[in-house]
């Protein structure tokens, strides 16, 4: 029986060498998780149980279990290289068949889908036309077309008026600088994305009262006024008159621009514009992608705008060690692994997304080489056991 027992030891040592060899071979494979050979002893038993004098019959390979510890993050600078810092898995769709991976080396295919090297599409939460992430889950696709322009509709002005300025009693004339105190300009856009110059003129009418005129560069001249009143402390009190200014741009229709004057002050210092902003923009060309730590995929355009295109979804399992490996650093769900919990990165213990990085293999070469030496010694010891048993058998056969 010693022959058979030692033979099981040889098989076990050989299996462990196979596992170690596979780990070492994949030490540079992105997203690879090393495996551990787990063994169990063999005992002959009957319905009456096992006697106290029963000798074991060797060893068997009980399981090859993958270890899902975190691998080191290597920064690549490639926007669509994604790494999970946590326990989550990326979900991939291959014509509806779902698999899971930690290899985040993604790219765009010709249709704009985010795919891995095998063409399997990354799954996530889809965004609506306004960039809001909804609950619908599907294959993530990037629209790399232009973003449509937006006509200016709102303008906000934050400035200080010099309380020491002398009031002007004459009529306002944009061509005559003596009829106003200060002026400032900004760019606004029509419905077709063409830029225009909007100029604001400020004229003090009396103590704590200022008139503001706006010229939208449409050829009709300055409109207004909006009459702003300040209190005795120089704080904004009220505005009357015109606060929405319509401008008729040739071929692009009328743009109504509402101006917010509530951030104006009148202090005893020089005229100063702190902020003059508006919400319109020109047509924008696709300039690049960004992936946030919560998995949101954001497209950036040449006009300074950005748009959320979707959100990467992550999945985790009650027992990831029971997932079934199918190659290409991918796994599929099994009954023993349990059903996946899928959510946005940063929630449900899934971990966060690191853009521009990949998770390297979690193989520790030093540990694997030590394990290889141990398995080699086990193989030698079992070989010696067979040799010893052979010598004993030979002695028995030589008895006369």
Protein backbone atom coordinates (compact mmCIF):
# COMPACT_ATOMS: atom_id res chain seq x y z
CA UNK A 1 0.00 0.00 0.00
CA UNK A 2 2.96 2.31 0.53
CA UNK A 3 3.45 2.43 -3.23
CA UNK A 4 -0.05 3.79 -3.77
CA UNK A 5 0.27 6.22 -0.87
CA UNK A 6 3.54 7.63 -2.16
CA UNK A 7 2.06 7.80 -5.65
CA UNK A 8 -0.73 10.07 -4.39
CA UNK A 9 1.98 12.25 -2.85
CA UNK A 10 3.71 12.47 -6.24
CA UNK A 11 0.45 13.49 -7.90
CA UNK A 12 -0.17 16.11 -5.22
CA UNK A 13 3.32 17.59 -5.49
CA UNK A 14 3.03 17.61 -9.27
CA UNK A 15 -0.35 19.39 -9.06
CA UNK A 16 1.12 21.99 -6.71
CA UNK A 17 3.99 22.59 -9.13
CA UNK A 18 1.42 23.06 -11.91
CA UNK A 19 -0.44 25.66 -9.86
CA UNK A 20 2.78 27.49 -8.94
CA UNK A 21 3.92 27.38 -12.54
CA UNK A 22 0.66 28.93 -13.71
CA UNK A 23 0.97 31.67 -11.08
CA UNK A 24 4.54 32.47 -12.12
CA UNK A 25 3.60 32.47 -15.81
CA UNK A 26 0.87 35.06 -15.10
CA UNK A 27 2.89 37.29 -12.79
CA UNK A 28 2.68 40.06 -15.41
CA UNK A 29 -0.94 39.45 -16.49
CA UNK A 30 -3.18 42.44 -15.79
CA UNK A 31 -5.93 41.63 -13.29
CA UNK A 32 -4.70 38.06 -12.69
CA UNK A 33 -5.42 36.49 -9.29
CA UNK A 34 -3.05 33.79 -8.07
CA UNK A 35 -4.35 30.33 -7.15
CA UNK A 36 -3.59 28.13 -4.16
CA UNK A 37 -3.59 24.33 -4.24
CA UNK A 38 -5.53 22.91 -1.29
CA UNK A 39 -5.11 19.25 -0.30
CA UNK A 40 -6.98 16.71 1.84
CA UNK A 41 -5.86 13.36 3.28
CA UNK A 42 -7.41 10.03 2.18
CA UNK A 43 -8.79 7.44 4.61
CA UNK A 44 -10.54 4.20 3.83
CA UNK A 45 -13.79 3.93 5.74
CA UNK A 46 -16.84 1.70 5.93
CA UNK A 47 -20.34 1.94 7.31
CA UNK A 48 -18.88 1.13 10.72
CA UNK A 49 -16.49 4.06 10.58
CA UNK A 50 -12.71 4.12 10.75
CA UNK A 51 -10.71 1.97 13.14
CA UNK A 52 -8.13 3.50 15.42
CA UNK A 53 -5.43 1.44 13.74
CA UNK A 54 -6.37 2.59 10.23
CA UNK A 55 -3.48 4.09 8.32
CA UNK A 56 -4.16 6.85 5.84
CA UNK A 57 -3.99 6.13 2.14
CA UNK A 58 -2.36 9.31 0.97
CA UNK A 59 -3.41 12.75 -0.22
CA UNK A 60 -5.67 14.21 -2.88
CA UNK A 61 -6.08 17.60 -4.49
CA UNK A 62 -9.22 19.03 -2.89
CA UNK A 63 -9.40 22.39 -4.64
CA UNK A 64 -7.53 25.01 -6.61
CA UNK A 65 -8.76 28.26 -5.09
CA UNK A 66 -8.05 31.69 -6.51
CA UNK A 67 -7.11 34.43 -4.06
CA UNK A 68 -8.80 37.78 -4.77
CA UNK A 69 -6.44 40.04 -2.87
CA UNK A 70 -5.81 43.56 -4.18
CA UNK A 71 -3.10 43.92 -6.79
CA UNK A 72 -0.84 46.94 -7.13
CA UNK A 73 -2.10 49.82 -9.30
CA UNK A 74 0.15 50.77 -12.22
CA UNK A 75 -0.54 54.19 -13.71
CA UNK A 76 -0.57 54.24 -17.50
CA UNK A 77 -1.99 57.65 -18.42
CA UNK A 78 -4.49 56.01 -20.80
CA UNK A 79 -7.94 57.41 -19.96
CA UNK A 80 -9.84 54.16 -20.52
CA UNK A 81 -7.43 52.06 -18.46
CA UNK A 82 -9.49 51.47 -15.31
CA UNK A 83 -8.55 49.81 -12.03
CA UNK A 84 -10.80 48.80 -9.14
CA UNK A 85 -9.50 49.76 -5.73
CA UNK A 86 -11.69 47.43 -3.73
CA UNK A 87 -13.61 44.17 -4.11
CA UNK A 88 -15.70 44.91 -7.19
CA UNK A 89 -15.57 43.37 -10.66
CA UNK A 90 -16.21 44.92 -14.05
CA UNK A 91 -19.14 43.29 -15.86
CA UNK A 92 -18.67 42.46 -19.55
CA UNK A 93 -21.30 41.55 -22.11
CA UNK A 94 -20.59 39.19 -24.99
CA UNK A 95 -23.85 39.28 -26.98
CA UNK A 96 -25.74 39.17 -23.68
CA UNK A 97 -23.54 36.59 -21.95
CA UNK A 98 -22.18 38.25 -18.79
CA UNK A 99 -18.71 37.63 -17.40
CA UNK A 100 -16.68 39.45 -14.76
CA UNK A 101 -13.10 40.69 -14.74
CA UNK A 102 -10.57 42.81 -12.88
CA UNK A 103 -8.69 43.60 -16.09
CA UNK A 104 -9.66 47.18 -16.92
CA UNK A 105 -7.70 47.64 -20.16
CA UNK A 106 -10.54 49.11 -22.22
CA UNK A 107 -10.77 50.95 -25.52
CA UNK A 108 -13.39 52.28 -27.94
CA UNK A 109 -14.56 50.19 -30.87
CA UNK A 110 -15.70 51.67 -34.17
CA UNK A 111 -19.25 52.12 -32.85
CA UNK A 112 -18.10 53.98 -29.74
CA UNK A 113 -18.68 51.10 -27.31
CA UNK A 114 -16.19 50.62 -24.49
CA UNK A 115 -14.71 47.15 -25.03
CA UNK A 116 -11.90 44.93 -23.76
CA UNK A 117 -9.25 43.33 -25.97
CA UNK A 118 -11.71 40.58 -26.95
CA UNK A 119 -14.42 43.03 -28.02
CA UNK A 120 -16.66 42.36 -25.02
CA UNK A 121 -18.59 45.46 -23.97
CA UNK A 122 -18.34 47.11 -20.57
CA UNK A 123 -21.62 47.28 -18.65
CA UNK A 124 -22.81 50.29 -16.66
CA UNK A 125 -25.62 52.74 -15.99
CA UNK A 126 -26.80 54.78 -18.96
CA UNK A 127 -27.18 58.56 -18.94
CA UNK A 128 -30.08 60.55 -20.35
CA UNK A 129 -29.76 63.35 -22.89
CA UNK A 130 -29.31 65.84 -20.02
CA UNK A 131 -26.44 63.84 -18.55
CA UNK A 132 -28.45 62.46 -15.61
CA UNK A 133 -27.58 58.88 -14.64
CA UNK A 134 -30.69 56.71 -14.62
CA UNK A 135 -31.37 53.27 -13.27
CA UNK A 136 -31.20 51.59 -16.68
CA UNK A 137 -28.20 49.29 -17.08
CA UNK A 138 -26.66 48.45 -20.42
CA UNK A 139 -23.57 48.50 -22.62
CA UNK A 140 -21.68 51.78 -22.28
CA UNK A 141 -21.28 53.77 -25.48
CA UNK A 142 -19.43 57.04 -26.05
CA UNK A 143 -20.82 59.64 -28.44
CA UNK A 144 -17.81 61.48 -29.82
CA UNK A 145 -19.81 63.89 -31.99
CA UNK A 146 -20.10 67.63 -31.51
CA UNK A 147 -22.12 69.18 -28.71
CA UNK A 148 -24.84 71.56 -29.92
CA UNK A 149 -24.53 75.27 -29.10
CA UNK A 150 -26.66 77.00 -26.51
CA UNK A 151 -27.97 80.54 -26.75
CA UNK A 152 -27.18 82.82 -23.82
CA UNK A 153 -30.24 83.18 -21.62
CA UNK A 154 -28.89 84.28 -18.25
CA UNK A 155 -26.16 86.68 -17.23
CA UNK A 156 -24.87 87.39 -13.72
CA UNK A 157 -23.01 90.54 -12.75
CA UNK A 158 -21.00 91.08 -9.59
CA UNK A 159 -19.39 94.53 -9.36
CA UNK A 160 -18.83 97.53 -7.13
CA UNK A 161 -19.93 101.05 -8.11
CA UNK A 162 -18.01 104.05 -6.82
CA UNK A 163 -20.29 105.79 -4.35
CA UNK A 164 -18.30 109.00 -4.87
CA UNK A 165 -19.21 109.24 -8.55
CA UNK A 166 -21.07 112.43 -9.54
CA UNK A 167 -24.60 111.89 -10.87
CA UNK A 168 -25.27 112.56 -14.55
CA UNK A 169 -28.52 114.30 -15.38
CA UNK A 170 -28.25 114.23 -19.16
CA UNK A 171 -29.67 111.55 -21.47
CA UNK A 172 -27.64 108.38 -22.02
CA UNK A 173 -25.78 108.03 -25.34
CA UNK A 174 -23.58 104.97 -25.89
CA UNK A 175 -21.44 106.94 -28.33
CA UNK A 176 -20.77 109.71 -25.81
CA UNK A 177 -18.53 108.59 -22.86
CA UNK A 178 -19.53 111.70 -20.89
CA UNK A 179 -23.07 110.31 -20.46
CA UNK A 180 -22.04 107.25 -18.44
CA UNK A 181 -19.45 106.45 -15.78
CA UNK A 182 -18.21 102.94 -16.52
CA UNK A 183 -18.58 100.17 -19.05
CA UNK A 184 -17.68 96.48 -19.30
CA UNK A 185 -18.20 93.73 -21.90
CA UNK A 186 -18.54 89.97 -22.24
CA UNK A 187 -19.20 87.42 -24.97
CA UNK A 188 -22.69 86.00 -25.50
CA UNK A 189 -23.95 83.43 -28.01
CA UNK A 190 -26.95 83.18 -30.29
CA UNK A 191 -28.94 79.99 -30.99
CA UNK A 192 -26.47 78.95 -33.71
CA UNK A 193 -23.46 79.31 -31.45
CA UNK A 194 -22.11 82.48 -33.01
CA UNK A 195 -20.46 84.81 -30.52
CA UNK A 196 -21.51 88.42 -29.99
CA UNK A 197 -20.22 91.20 -27.79
CA UNK A 198 -22.55 92.32 -25.00
CA UNK A 199 -21.60 95.69 -23.49
CA UNK A 200 -23.00 97.09 -20.25
CA UNK A 201 -23.06 100.83 -19.48
CA UNK A 202 -23.44 102.23 -15.97
CA UNK A 203 -24.82 105.69 -15.32
CA UNK A 204 -25.38 107.20 -11.86
CA UNK A 205 -28.69 109.10 -11.84
CA UNK A 206 -28.82 110.25 -8.22
CA UNK A 207 -27.65 109.25 -4.77
CA UNK A 208 -27.76 105.43 -4.48
CA UNK A 209 -29.52 105.08 -7.87
CA UNK A 210 -27.84 103.77 -11.05
CA UNK A 211 -29.16 103.08 -14.55
CA UNK A 212 -27.70 100.14 -16.49
CA UNK A 213 -27.99 99.74 -20.28
CA UNK A 214 -27.06 96.66 -22.33
CA UNK A 215 -26.02 96.55 -25.98
CA UNK A 216 -26.18 93.02 -27.44
CA UNK A 217 -24.29 93.80 -30.67
CA UNK A 218 -27.35 93.12 -32.85
CA UNK A 219 -27.37 96.56 -34.47
CA UNK A 220 -30.33 97.96 -32.54
CA UNK A 221 -28.22 99.81 -29.97
CA UNK A 222 -28.30 99.76 -26.18
CA UNK A 223 -31.48 98.75 -24.38
CA UNK A 224 -32.77 99.57 -20.93
CA UNK A 225 -32.37 100.90 -18.49
CA UNK A 226 -32.43 98.66 -15.46
CA UNK A 227 -32.57 100.98 -12.46
CA UNK A 228 -30.68 99.65 -9.44
CA UNK A 229 -31.15 101.17 -5.99
CA UNK A 230 -28.75 100.73 -3.08
CA UNK A 231 -29.41 101.31 0.62
CA UNK A 232 -27.45 103.67 2.83
CA UNK A 233 -24.87 100.95 3.52
CA UNK A 234 -24.17 100.48 -0.18
CA UNK A 235 -25.91 97.11 -0.39
CA UNK A 236 -28.23 96.11 -3.23
CA UNK A 237 -31.80 97.09 -2.43
CA UNK A 238 -33.91 96.64 -5.55
CA UNK A 239 -34.01 96.76 -9.34
CA UNK A 240 -36.78 98.16 -11.53
CA UNK A 241 -37.22 98.67 -15.22
CA UNK A 242 -35.67 96.28 -17.75
CA UNK A 243 -33.93 93.13 -16.51
CA UNK A 244 -34.52 90.95 -19.59
CA UNK A 245 -32.97 92.23 -22.82
CA UNK A 246 -34.15 90.82 -26.19
CA UNK A 247 -31.64 90.79 -29.05
CA UNK A 248 -32.51 89.82 -32.59
CA UNK A 249 -29.57 88.11 -34.30
CA UNK A 250 -29.73 87.70 -38.07
CA UNK A 251 -30.61 84.11 -39.02
CA UNK A 252 -30.61 82.94 -35.40
CA UNK A 253 -33.81 84.49 -34.06
CA UNK A 254 -34.29 86.41 -30.84
CA UNK A 255 -32.27 85.74 -27.71
CA UNK A 256 -33.74 86.97 -24.44
CA UNK A 257 -30.98 87.51 -21.90
CA UNK A 258 -31.99 87.92 -18.27
CA UNK A 259 -29.43 89.80 -16.16
CA UNK A 260 -29.08 89.23 -12.41
CA UNK A 261 -28.03 92.47 -10.66
CA UNK A 262 -28.44 91.28 -7.06
CA UNK A 263 -24.68 91.00 -6.46
CA UNK A 264 -23.97 94.69 -7.09
CA UNK A 265 -22.64 96.96 -4.35
CA UNK A 266 -21.96 100.68 -4.01
CA UNK A 267 -18.97 101.33 -1.77
CA UNK A 268 -16.51 104.16 -1.53
CA UNK A 269 -13.93 102.53 -3.78
CA UNK A 270 -13.16 102.40 -7.49
CA UNK A 271 -15.41 100.70 -9.98
CA UNK A 272 -14.50 97.00 -10.13
CA UNK A 273 -16.08 94.01 -11.88
CA UNK A 274 -15.67 90.86 -9.79
CA UNK A 275 -17.59 88.50 -12.06
CA UNK A 276 -19.53 88.70 -15.32
CA UNK A 277 -20.77 85.32 -16.47
CA UNK A 278 -23.36 83.94 -18.86
CA UNK A 279 -24.67 80.45 -19.64
CA UNK A 280 -24.36 80.25 -23.45
CA UNK A 281 -21.69 78.49 -25.47
CA UNK A 282 -20.62 77.78 -29.03
CA UNK A 283 -20.55 74.42 -30.81
CA UNK A 284 -17.98 72.14 -29.20
CA UNK A 285 -15.86 69.40 -30.73
CA UNK A 286 -15.09 66.26 -28.76
CA UNK A 287 -11.77 66.78 -26.97
CA UNK A 288 -11.40 63.79 -24.68
CA UNK A 289 -12.78 61.53 -21.96
CA UNK A 290 -12.40 61.40 -18.22
CA UNK A 291 -13.45 58.74 -15.72
CA UNK A 292 -14.22 59.86 -12.18
CA UNK A 293 -13.65 57.80 -9.01
CA UNK A 294 -17.40 57.09 -8.83
CA UNK A 295 -17.30 55.60 -12.32
CA UNK A 296 -18.91 58.50 -14.18
CA UNK A 297 -17.64 58.75 -17.76
CA UNK A 298 -17.39 62.42 -18.73
CA UNK A 299 -16.84 63.74 -22.26
CA UNK A 300 -15.05 67.06 -22.58
CA UNK A 301 -15.50 69.43 -25.51
CA UNK A 302 -13.49 72.24 -27.04
CA UNK A 303 -15.99 74.89 -25.87
CA UNK A 304 -15.25 74.13 -22.23
CA UNK A 305 -18.41 72.07 -21.71
CA UNK A 306 -18.58 68.56 -20.33
CA UNK A 307 -21.25 65.88 -20.53
CA UNK A 308 -21.81 62.75 -18.46
CA UNK A 309 -22.19 59.79 -20.82
CA UNK A 310 -22.74 57.00 -18.32
CA UNK A 311 -21.39 55.35 -15.19
CA UNK A 312 -19.36 52.18 -14.84
CA UNK A 313 -21.12 49.54 -12.73
CA UNK A 314 -19.24 47.21 -10.37
CA UNK A 315 -20.35 43.84 -9.02
CA UNK A 316 -19.28 41.85 -5.98
CA UNK A 317 -20.08 38.30 -4.88
CA UNK A 318 -20.73 36.72 -1.47
CA UNK A 319 -18.08 34.08 -2.28
CA UNK A 320 -15.75 35.25 -5.07
CA UNK A 321 -13.50 32.20 -4.55
CA UNK A 322 -16.33 30.07 -5.94
CA UNK A 323 -16.50 31.94 -9.25
CA UNK A 324 -15.63 29.78 -12.26
CA UNK A 325 -12.61 30.99 -14.27
CA UNK A 326 -13.08 30.91 -18.05
CA UNK A 327 -9.74 32.36 -19.15
CA UNK A 328 -8.70 35.83 -20.28
CA UNK A 329 -8.78 36.84 -16.57
CA UNK A 330 -12.56 36.47 -16.57
CA UNK A 331 -14.96 34.61 -14.30
CA UNK A 332 -18.61 33.66 -14.46
CA UNK A 333 -21.18 33.34 -11.72
CA UNK A 334 -21.88 29.94 -10.16
CA UNK A 335 -24.42 28.72 -7.66
CA UNK A 336 -21.70 28.50 -4.99
CA UNK A 337 -20.48 32.07 -5.64
CA UNK A 338 -23.91 33.54 -5.03
CA UNK A 339 -25.69 36.18 -7.07
CA UNK A 340 -23.80 39.44 -7.70
CA UNK A 341 -24.58 42.72 -5.95
CA UNK A 342 -24.28 45.42 -8.61
CA UNK A 343 -24.09 49.14 -7.89
CA UNK A 344 -22.13 52.32 -8.58
CA UNK A 345 -18.47 52.50 -7.49
CA UNK A 346 -18.04 53.83 -3.98
CA UNK A 347 -21.20 52.13 -2.67
CA UNK A 348 -22.04 48.73 -1.20
CA UNK A 349 -18.39 48.03 -0.38
CA UNK A 350 -17.49 47.75 -4.07
CA UNK A 351 -14.51 50.10 -4.03
CA UNK A 352 -13.67 53.05 -6.25
CA UNK A 353 -12.49 53.45 -9.82
CA UNK A 354 -8.99 54.72 -10.62
CA UNK A 355 -8.82 56.09 -14.15
CA UNK A 356 -5.60 55.94 -16.13
CA UNK A 357 -4.36 52.89 -14.18
CA UNK A 358 -4.41 49.10 -14.34
CA UNK A 359 -4.38 46.53 -11.55
CA UNK A 360 -1.32 44.33 -11.88
CA UNK A 361 -1.24 40.64 -11.00
CA UNK A 362 -1.32 39.90 -7.27
CA UNK A 363 1.32 37.15 -7.67
CA UNK A 364 4.22 37.51 -5.23
CA UNK A 365 7.12 35.91 -7.09
CA UNK A 366 9.19 35.39 -3.95
CA UNK A 367 6.40 33.45 -2.25
CA UNK A 368 5.77 31.38 -5.37
CA UNK A 369 9.43 30.44 -5.76
CA UNK A 370 9.56 29.34 -2.12
CA UNK A 371 6.39 27.30 -2.68
CA UNK A 372 8.01 25.75 -5.75
CA UNK A 373 10.99 24.61 -3.64
CA UNK A 374 8.64 23.09 -1.05
CA UNK A 375 6.68 21.23 -3.75
CA UNK A 376 9.96 20.00 -5.25
CA UNK A 377 11.10 18.66 -1.89
CA UNK A 378 7.72 16.95 -1.42
CA UNK A 379 8.12 15.30 -4.81
CA UNK A 380 11.62 14.10 -3.92
CA UNK A 381 10.45 12.77 -0.55
CA UNK A 382 7.63 10.76 -2.11
CA UNK A 383 9.99 9.45 -4.76
CA UNK A 384 12.33 8.33 -1.99
CA UNK A 385 9.40 6.60 -0.26
CA UNK A 386 8.75 4.54 -3.41
CA UNK A 387 12.44 3.70 -3.64
CA UNK A 388 12.53 2.61 0.03
CA UNK A 389 9.43 0.45 -0.36
CA UNK A 390 10.98 -1.13 -3.43
CA UNK A 391 14.08 -2.04 -1.43
CA UNK A 392 11.98 -3.61 1.33
CA UNK A 393 9.99 -5.60 -1.21
CA UNK A 394 13.21 -6.80 -2.79
CA UNK A 395 14.49 -7.98 0.58
CA UNK A 396 11.32 -10.01 1.09
CA UNK A 397 11.67 -11.58 -2.33
CA UNK A 398 15.27 -12.57 -1.53
CA UNK A 399 14.33 -14.62 1.58
CA UNK A 400 15.18 -18.30 1.01
